């Protein structure tokens, strides 16, 4: 066996050793606390990205650290040949606080959505007909990177180039009930959507649209699936976004903030739908492992508190007020989108296509943000970020905006 020379751990090492499917920032974060991050050089950043809505309690929250430490000394993994206490406790919490009766744990949002789509098709085939397999999805949606979920997602750029796609999937305009009426029929097994589209520009579903979808799904015996991987777990001001609409889905998926940074996801459904499943129909090796579920329990209890949930919309207003100060000076935004701390700032036409430029320059001024598409800036900070951190981060971001504007 040859002994290879070890390369120093720098950003250039990424370009040598990691599959080239990402284009990360030039600095490497090494430490985080709350809403602040430090890189290899000790430079401090304000984090408005939150790991893409994952770090809902910031970095190294004491409740999560405690749960991780305690469980790490007990039991990490036993597989689903055996059950475990943290998984049962977290499942019960999810059931007690939602419409659901049954839970399936996995490791990522894509896996939760994969399970949801498989369940929907299996349910329709078992209960109605082998031909009831049509899935209705929406333009600009995003549901994951497995071949099934990326094909169901409404952005062809992510699914093209991999050969024949799974069949019987239709994409139509979001928030267009007439478009749904034109394609839904007795062969439809499911309609899937994000109540707030995450990667697709932070467009929120209208109440009329969701209520209309519920009625159409009931009429055609189709299942309504809400993908709340990004917009769930307190992100929009309620535990799950559907609770703001008065419309219950048949299946709901959760991930990202569910583990507060530890990989875990869940698919929730009702007893009537779950009963078509039996051992061996679906599964996962790591899903529901005790380490992930113990951290998930701590994250759930912390997020699902009156103190945290009550502060989210006030923090949103502070963000928008600070963005408006920047906008009054530089005229870069046309509107603010999304809900709660799933916040989008749409760029005015002069800056369309330049969202990534704002993101990249922001890192120069030590603030971490995101984009949602090419013309919307996205802010998904910790749900417990302080007002002082918001103001300080926005002061830094204002400097970044000034630089982008000056160079445009």
Protein backbone atom coordinates (compact mmCIF):
# COMPACT_ATOMS: atom_id res chain seq x y z
CA UNK A 1 0.00 0.00 0.00
CA UNK A 2 1.42 3.39 -1.00
CA UNK A 3 1.58 6.18 1.54
CA UNK A 4 0.15 9.40 0.10
CA UNK A 5 1.40 12.78 1.24
CA UNK A 6 -1.14 14.58 3.42
CA UNK A 7 -2.38 17.90 2.06
CA UNK A 8 -3.02 20.85 4.41
CA UNK A 9 -6.69 21.35 5.28
CA UNK A 10 -7.37 24.48 3.23
CA UNK A 11 -10.11 25.55 0.83
CA UNK A 12 -7.96 24.40 -2.10
CA UNK A 13 -8.11 20.84 -0.73
CA UNK A 14 -11.86 20.87 -1.40
CA UNK A 15 -11.17 21.18 -5.13
CA UNK A 16 -8.94 18.12 -4.99
CA UNK A 17 -10.93 15.69 -2.84
CA UNK A 18 -14.68 16.51 -2.97
CA UNK A 19 -16.97 15.61 -5.86
CA UNK A 20 -17.42 18.90 -7.78
CA UNK A 21 -21.14 19.36 -7.14
CA UNK A 22 -20.78 22.33 -4.76
CA UNK A 23 -19.16 25.76 -4.96
CA UNK A 24 -18.58 26.63 -1.29
CA UNK A 25 -17.29 29.92 0.06
CA UNK A 26 -13.56 30.47 0.21
CA UNK A 27 -13.40 30.41 4.02
CA UNK A 28 -13.80 27.28 6.16
CA UNK A 29 -15.95 27.57 9.31
CA UNK A 30 -14.45 25.73 12.26
CA UNK A 31 -16.52 26.88 15.24
CA UNK A 32 -20.00 28.20 15.91
CA UNK A 33 -21.84 29.54 18.93
CA UNK A 34 -25.36 30.89 18.72
CA UNK A 35 -25.57 32.97 15.55
CA UNK A 36 -21.84 33.57 15.23
CA UNK A 37 -19.31 31.47 13.32
CA UNK A 38 -15.50 31.59 13.27
CA UNK A 39 -13.27 30.49 10.40
CA UNK A 40 -9.77 28.97 10.36
CA UNK A 41 -8.23 32.42 10.75
CA UNK A 42 -10.36 33.34 13.75
CA UNK A 43 -12.51 35.75 11.71
CA UNK A 44 -16.07 36.08 13.07
CA UNK A 45 -19.23 35.94 10.92
CA UNK A 46 -22.89 36.62 11.65
CA UNK A 47 -24.94 33.64 10.43
CA UNK A 48 -28.16 34.54 8.60
CA UNK A 49 -28.07 31.25 6.64
CA UNK A 50 -28.62 28.81 9.49
CA UNK A 51 -27.30 25.85 7.52
CA UNK A 52 -30.17 26.37 5.04
CA UNK A 53 -32.87 26.50 7.74
CA UNK A 54 -31.31 23.60 9.65
CA UNK A 55 -29.69 25.34 12.61
CA UNK A 56 -33.00 26.61 14.00
CA UNK A 57 -31.45 27.03 17.44
CA UNK A 58 -28.13 28.34 16.21
CA UNK A 59 -24.82 26.60 16.73
CA UNK A 60 -24.09 24.44 19.79
CA UNK A 61 -27.32 25.18 21.64
CA UNK A 62 -26.92 23.96 25.24
CA UNK A 63 -30.10 21.83 25.13
CA UNK A 64 -28.84 19.97 22.05
CA UNK A 65 -25.33 19.59 23.46
CA UNK A 66 -26.74 18.09 26.64
CA UNK A 67 -28.94 15.61 24.75
CA UNK A 68 -26.12 14.62 22.42
CA UNK A 69 -23.64 14.12 25.24
CA UNK A 70 -26.02 12.08 27.40
CA UNK A 71 -27.22 9.83 24.57
CA UNK A 72 -23.70 9.39 23.18
CA UNK A 73 -22.79 7.57 26.38
CA UNK A 74 -25.84 5.28 26.21
CA UNK A 75 -26.72 4.00 22.73
CA UNK A 76 -25.94 5.26 19.21
CA UNK A 77 -27.40 2.75 16.81
CA UNK A 78 -29.25 -0.57 16.92
CA UNK A 79 -30.97 -0.64 13.47
CA UNK A 80 -34.69 -1.13 12.97
CA UNK A 81 -34.48 -4.79 13.86
CA UNK A 82 -34.96 -3.29 17.33
CA UNK A 83 -36.78 -0.15 18.46
CA UNK A 84 -35.43 2.41 20.90
CA UNK A 85 -36.77 4.83 23.49
CA UNK A 86 -35.80 8.19 21.89
CA UNK A 87 -37.47 7.21 18.61
CA UNK A 88 -40.71 6.30 20.36
CA UNK A 89 -40.64 9.46 22.45
CA UNK A 90 -40.04 11.73 19.45
CA UNK A 91 -42.72 9.96 17.40
CA UNK A 92 -45.20 10.49 20.22
CA UNK A 93 -44.31 14.19 20.41
CA UNK A 94 -44.91 14.62 16.68
CA UNK A 95 -48.23 12.80 16.87
CA UNK A 96 -49.40 14.76 19.90
CA UNK A 97 -48.75 18.08 18.17
CA UNK A 98 -50.02 17.39 14.64
CA UNK A 99 -52.78 15.68 12.64
CA UNK A 100 -50.75 12.48 12.44
CA UNK A 101 -51.11 9.00 13.94
CA UNK A 102 -47.98 7.35 12.55
CA UNK A 103 -44.36 8.40 11.96
CA UNK A 104 -41.53 7.06 9.80
CA UNK A 105 -38.01 8.31 10.55
CA UNK A 106 -35.26 8.74 7.99
CA UNK A 107 -32.11 10.83 7.64
CA UNK A 108 -32.84 13.63 5.16
CA UNK A 109 -35.66 15.60 3.61
CA UNK A 110 -35.21 13.73 0.35
CA UNK A 111 -35.62 10.39 2.11
CA UNK A 112 -38.75 11.60 3.92
CA UNK A 113 -40.24 12.76 0.62
CA UNK A 114 -39.22 9.54 -1.09
CA UNK A 115 -41.09 7.64 1.61
CA UNK A 116 -44.11 9.93 1.27
CA UNK A 117 -44.31 9.46 -2.50
CA UNK A 118 -43.85 5.69 -2.25
CA UNK A 119 -46.54 5.53 0.42
CA UNK A 120 -48.95 7.58 -1.70
CA UNK A 121 -48.53 5.33 -4.72
CA UNK A 122 -48.69 2.16 -2.67
CA UNK A 123 -51.82 3.35 -0.89
CA UNK A 124 -53.56 4.21 -4.18
CA UNK A 125 -52.59 0.92 -5.79
CA UNK A 126 -53.66 -1.16 -2.78
CA UNK A 127 -56.92 0.72 -2.15
CA UNK A 128 -58.06 1.64 -5.64
CA UNK A 129 -56.25 0.62 -8.83
CA UNK A 130 -52.80 -0.30 -10.18
CA UNK A 131 -53.26 2.59 -12.61
CA UNK A 132 -53.82 5.25 -9.94
CA UNK A 133 -50.22 6.49 -9.97
CA UNK A 134 -50.27 10.10 -11.25
CA UNK A 135 -48.43 12.63 -9.08
CA UNK A 136 -49.17 16.35 -9.45
CA UNK A 137 -46.37 18.71 -8.49
CA UNK A 138 -45.64 22.39 -9.11
CA UNK A 139 -43.21 24.49 -11.08
CA UNK A 140 -40.24 25.78 -9.07
CA UNK A 141 -40.80 23.22 -6.30
CA UNK A 142 -37.96 21.29 -4.70
CA UNK A 143 -38.37 17.94 -2.93
CA UNK A 144 -34.90 16.42 -2.76
CA UNK A 145 -32.09 14.90 -4.79
CA UNK A 146 -32.99 11.22 -5.06
CA UNK A 147 -34.02 10.35 -8.60
CA UNK A 148 -37.69 10.07 -7.67
CA UNK A 149 -37.84 13.26 -5.60
CA UNK A 150 -35.76 15.32 -8.02
CA UNK A 151 -38.09 14.23 -10.82
CA UNK A 152 -41.14 15.21 -8.78
CA UNK A 153 -39.51 18.58 -8.05
CA UNK A 154 -40.46 21.29 -10.48
CA UNK A 155 -36.98 22.38 -11.60
CA UNK A 156 -35.83 20.40 -14.60
CA UNK A 157 -32.25 21.67 -14.29
CA UNK A 158 -31.81 19.34 -11.31
CA UNK A 159 -33.25 16.24 -12.97
CA UNK A 160 -32.06 16.54 -16.58
CA UNK A 161 -29.04 14.59 -17.72
CA UNK A 162 -29.58 11.36 -15.80
CA UNK A 163 -31.53 9.31 -18.31
CA UNK A 164 -35.22 8.31 -18.33
CA UNK A 165 -37.15 9.86 -15.45
CA UNK A 166 -39.85 8.17 -13.34
CA UNK A 167 -43.13 8.37 -15.21
CA UNK A 168 -46.59 9.75 -14.46
CA UNK A 169 -45.46 13.04 -12.88
CA UNK A 170 -47.05 16.33 -13.94
CA UNK A 171 -45.79 19.86 -13.19
CA UNK A 172 -48.15 22.83 -13.24
CA UNK A 173 -48.08 26.47 -12.04
CA UNK A 174 -48.09 27.04 -8.28
CA UNK A 175 -51.11 28.78 -6.71
CA UNK A 176 -53.17 28.06 -9.86
CA UNK A 177 -56.20 26.02 -8.82
CA UNK A 178 -57.61 25.97 -12.36
CA UNK A 179 -54.41 24.29 -13.55
CA UNK A 180 -54.91 21.58 -10.92
CA UNK A 181 -58.54 21.10 -11.97
CA UNK A 182 -57.38 20.63 -15.56
CA UNK A 183 -55.10 17.68 -14.76
CA UNK A 184 -56.43 15.96 -11.63
CA UNK A 185 -58.50 12.84 -12.28
CA UNK A 186 -59.25 9.36 -10.96
CA UNK A 187 -55.71 8.24 -11.86
CA UNK A 188 -54.15 10.82 -9.51
CA UNK A 189 -52.64 9.32 -6.37
CA UNK A 190 -51.15 12.47 -4.84
CA UNK A 191 -50.65 16.19 -4.98
CA UNK A 192 -47.40 17.36 -3.37
CA UNK A 193 -46.34 20.89 -2.51
CA UNK A 194 -44.35 23.08 -0.15
CA UNK A 195 -46.69 25.50 1.66
CA UNK A 196 -43.85 27.98 1.20
CA UNK A 197 -41.59 27.11 -1.72
CA UNK A 198 -38.04 27.14 -0.42
CA UNK A 199 -35.56 26.81 -3.28
CA UNK A 200 -38.10 28.16 -5.75
CA UNK A 201 -38.14 31.77 -4.56
CA UNK A 202 -40.05 31.70 -1.23
CA UNK A 203 -43.53 31.94 -2.72
CA UNK A 204 -46.25 31.19 -0.17
CA UNK A 205 -49.37 29.21 -1.00
CA UNK A 206 -52.55 31.23 -0.82
CA UNK A 207 -55.27 30.07 1.61
CA UNK A 208 -57.70 29.65 -1.29
CA UNK A 209 -55.21 27.44 -3.12
CA UNK A 210 -54.60 25.07 -0.20
CA UNK A 211 -58.30 24.82 0.63
CA UNK A 212 -59.08 24.15 -3.01
CA UNK A 213 -56.41 21.44 -3.18
CA UNK A 214 -57.84 19.75 -0.10
CA UNK A 215 -61.31 19.67 -1.67
CA UNK A 216 -60.01 18.34 -5.01
CA UNK A 217 -57.94 15.63 -3.35
CA UNK A 218 -61.00 14.54 -1.37
CA UNK A 219 -63.10 14.49 -4.53
CA UNK A 220 -60.63 12.33 -6.48
CA UNK A 221 -59.36 10.12 -3.62
CA UNK A 222 -55.87 11.58 -3.95
CA UNK A 223 -53.53 12.17 -1.03
CA UNK A 224 -52.40 15.70 -0.20
CA UNK A 225 -48.70 15.80 0.74
CA UNK A 226 -47.16 18.83 2.41
CA UNK A 227 -43.39 19.03 2.16
CA UNK A 228 -42.46 21.04 5.26
CA UNK A 229 -38.80 20.07 5.21
CA UNK A 230 -37.77 23.73 5.06
CA UNK A 231 -40.86 25.64 6.19
CA UNK A 232 -41.71 23.42 9.17
CA UNK A 233 -40.46 23.17 12.76
CA UNK A 234 -41.23 26.74 13.76
CA UNK A 235 -39.61 28.38 10.77
CA UNK A 236 -42.71 30.33 9.73
CA UNK A 237 -44.05 31.12 13.22
CA UNK A 238 -46.06 27.99 14.00
CA UNK A 239 -44.76 24.49 14.64
CA UNK A 240 -45.79 23.54 11.10
CA UNK A 241 -46.93 25.94 8.40
CA UNK A 242 -50.13 24.04 7.58
CA UNK A 243 -51.43 25.05 11.00
CA UNK A 244 -51.72 28.64 9.76
CA UNK A 245 -54.09 27.63 6.96
CA UNK A 246 -56.64 25.41 8.66
CA UNK A 247 -55.95 22.72 6.06
CA UNK A 248 -54.66 19.30 7.11
CA UNK A 249 -52.59 17.15 4.76
CA UNK A 250 -52.71 13.37 4.52
CA UNK A 251 -48.92 13.14 4.67
CA UNK A 252 -46.37 15.64 5.96
CA UNK A 253 -42.59 15.55 5.75
CA UNK A 254 -40.15 17.21 8.13
CA UNK A 255 -36.36 17.41 8.31
CA UNK A 256 -33.78 20.22 8.48
CA UNK A 257 -34.63 21.93 11.81
CA UNK A 258 -36.08 18.71 13.25
CA UNK A 259 -32.59 17.77 14.41
CA UNK A 260 -31.26 21.29 14.89
CA UNK A 261 -28.19 20.34 12.87
CA UNK A 262 -28.12 16.58 13.46
CA UNK A 263 -29.35 14.59 10.42
CA UNK A 264 -32.89 13.32 10.94
CA UNK A 265 -36.17 13.47 9.04
CA UNK A 266 -39.71 12.24 9.50
CA UNK A 267 -42.74 11.39 7.43
CA UNK A 268 -46.07 11.77 9.24
CA UNK A 269 -49.39 10.27 8.18
CA UNK A 270 -52.72 8.98 9.44
CA UNK A 271 -53.68 5.52 10.65
CA UNK A 272 -55.97 4.91 7.66
CA UNK A 273 -53.14 5.52 5.20
CA UNK A 274 -50.42 3.82 7.23
CA UNK A 275 -52.35 0.55 7.42
CA UNK A 276 -51.40 -0.39 3.83
CA UNK A 277 -47.77 -0.78 4.91
CA UNK A 278 -46.24 -3.88 6.45
CA UNK A 279 -42.74 -5.04 7.37
CA UNK A 280 -40.41 -5.02 4.37
CA UNK A 281 -42.37 -2.60 2.17
CA UNK A 282 -40.03 0.29 3.03
CA UNK A 283 -37.16 0.88 5.41
CA UNK A 284 -33.84 2.51 6.23
CA UNK A 285 -30.73 1.45 8.14
CA UNK A 286 -30.05 4.64 10.08
CA UNK A 287 -33.54 6.12 10.29
CA UNK A 288 -34.79 6.58 13.84
CA UNK A 289 -31.42 5.86 15.43
CA UNK A 290 -31.34 6.76 19.14
CA UNK A 291 -28.61 9.41 18.81
CA UNK A 292 -30.51 11.41 16.17
CA UNK A 293 -33.84 11.03 17.93
CA UNK A 294 -32.45 12.13 21.29
CA UNK A 295 -31.15 15.34 19.70
CA UNK A 296 -34.42 15.67 17.79
CA UNK A 297 -36.35 15.45 21.05
CA UNK A 298 -34.35 18.30 22.55
CA UNK A 299 -34.74 20.39 19.39
CA UNK A 300 -38.48 19.71 19.25
CA UNK A 301 -39.11 20.65 22.86
CA UNK A 302 -37.04 23.82 22.57
CA UNK A 303 -38.60 25.01 19.30
CA UNK A 304 -42.14 24.02 20.25
CA UNK A 305 -42.25 26.46 23.13
CA UNK A 306 -44.31 29.62 23.47
CA UNK A 307 -41.14 31.63 24.05
CA UNK A 308 -39.51 30.63 20.76
CA UNK A 309 -42.59 30.56 18.54
CA UNK A 310 -43.91 33.88 19.83
CA UNK A 311 -40.73 35.72 18.88
CA UNK A 312 -40.39 34.62 15.27
CA UNK A 313 -42.65 37.16 13.56
CA UNK A 314 -41.21 40.02 15.61
CA UNK A 315 -37.75 39.02 14.40
CA UNK A 316 -39.08 38.91 10.85
CA UNK A 317 -40.32 42.48 11.18
CA UNK A 318 -36.93 43.59 12.47
CA UNK A 319 -35.23 41.95 9.50
CA UNK A 320 -37.59 43.67 7.07
CA UNK A 321 -37.15 47.03 8.79
CA UNK A 322 -33.37 46.70 8.47
CA UNK A 323 -33.65 45.57 4.85
CA UNK A 324 -35.88 48.56 4.12
CA UNK A 325 -33.22 50.91 5.48
CA UNK A 326 -30.79 49.38 3.02
CA UNK A 327 -33.36 49.55 0.25
CA UNK A 328 -34.09 53.22 0.83
CA UNK A 329 -30.44 53.92 0.21
CA UNK A 330 -29.69 51.52 -2.64
CA UNK A 331 -33.05 50.53 -4.22
CA UNK A 332 -32.21 46.86 -4.65
CA UNK A 333 -35.40 45.07 -3.46
CA UNK A 334 -38.92 45.00 -4.86
CA UNK A 335 -40.73 42.89 -2.25
CA UNK A 336 -40.29 40.63 0.76
CA UNK A 337 -41.50 37.04 0.53
CA UNK A 338 -42.01 33.91 2.58
CA UNK A 339 -43.25 33.64 6.16
CA UNK A 340 -41.62 34.10 9.54
CA UNK A 341 -37.86 33.55 9.41
CA UNK A 342 -38.09 31.91 6.01
CA UNK A 343 -37.58 35.34 4.53
CA UNK A 344 -36.91 36.34 0.94
CA UNK A 345 -35.91 39.71 -0.49
CA UNK A 346 -36.63 39.82 -4.22
CA UNK A 347 -34.11 41.83 -6.22
CA UNK A 348 -35.32 44.55 -8.52
CA UNK A 349 -34.98 43.86 -12.27
CA UNK A 350 -31.64 45.66 -12.52
CA UNK A 351 -30.13 42.99 -10.28
CA UNK A 352 -31.99 39.93 -11.57
CA UNK A 353 -29.68 36.97 -11.90
CA UNK A 354 -27.22 38.41 -9.38
CA UNK A 355 -28.40 36.89 -6.11
CA UNK A 356 -25.23 34.83 -5.87
CA UNK A 357 -23.14 37.99 -6.23
CA UNK A 358 -24.78 39.43 -3.11
CA UNK A 359 -24.17 36.16 -1.24
CA UNK A 360 -20.49 36.03 -2.22
CA UNK A 361 -19.78 39.68 -1.39
CA UNK A 362 -21.64 39.33 1.93
CA UNK A 363 -19.02 36.83 3.09
CA UNK A 364 -16.33 39.48 2.49
CA UNK A 365 -18.10 41.60 5.11
CA UNK A 366 -18.47 38.65 7.48
CA UNK A 367 -22.16 37.86 7.13
CA UNK A 368 -23.58 34.57 5.82
CA UNK A 369 -26.74 34.67 3.67
CA UNK A 370 -28.40 32.47 1.04
CA UNK A 371 -30.13 32.80 -2.30
CA UNK A 372 -33.37 31.18 -3.48
CA UNK A 373 -33.00 31.04 -7.23
CA UNK A 374 -31.07 33.71 -9.07
CA UNK A 375 -33.09 36.78 -8.07
CA UNK A 376 -34.16 36.30 -4.45
CA UNK A 377 -31.95 36.65 -1.37
CA UNK A 378 -32.88 34.22 1.39
CA UNK A 379 -32.48 34.64 5.14
CA UNK A 380 -33.03 31.57 7.36
CA UNK A 381 -31.30 32.44 10.62
CA UNK A 382 -31.62 30.83 14.00
CA UNK A 383 -35.11 31.21 15.42
CA UNK A 384 -33.51 32.51 18.62
CA UNK A 385 -31.12 34.99 17.02
CA UNK A 386 -30.91 38.14 19.13
CA UNK A 387 -32.09 41.55 17.96
CA UNK A 388 -28.54 42.82 18.42
CA UNK A 389 -27.18 40.10 16.11
CA UNK A 390 -29.79 40.95 13.49
CA UNK A 391 -28.84 44.64 13.57
CA UNK A 392 -25.11 43.97 13.54
CA UNK A 393 -25.44 41.48 10.69
CA UNK A 394 -27.53 43.92 8.70
CA UNK A 395 -24.91 46.64 9.16
CA UNK A 396 -22.39 44.29 7.62
CA UNK A 397 -24.80 43.31 4.86
CA UNK A 398 -25.39 46.97 4.01
CA UNK A 399 -21.67 47.28 3.25
CA UNK A 400 -21.92 44.26 0.95
CA UNK A 401 -24.90 45.77 -0.88
CA UNK A 402 -23.00 49.01 -1.32
CA UNK A 403 -20.12 47.14 -2.95
CA UNK A 404 -22.37 45.15 -5.31
CA UNK A 405 -24.26 48.28 -6.32
CA UNK A 406 -21.04 50.21 -6.91
CA UNK A 407 -19.71 47.48 -9.19
CA UNK A 408 -22.93 47.03 -11.19
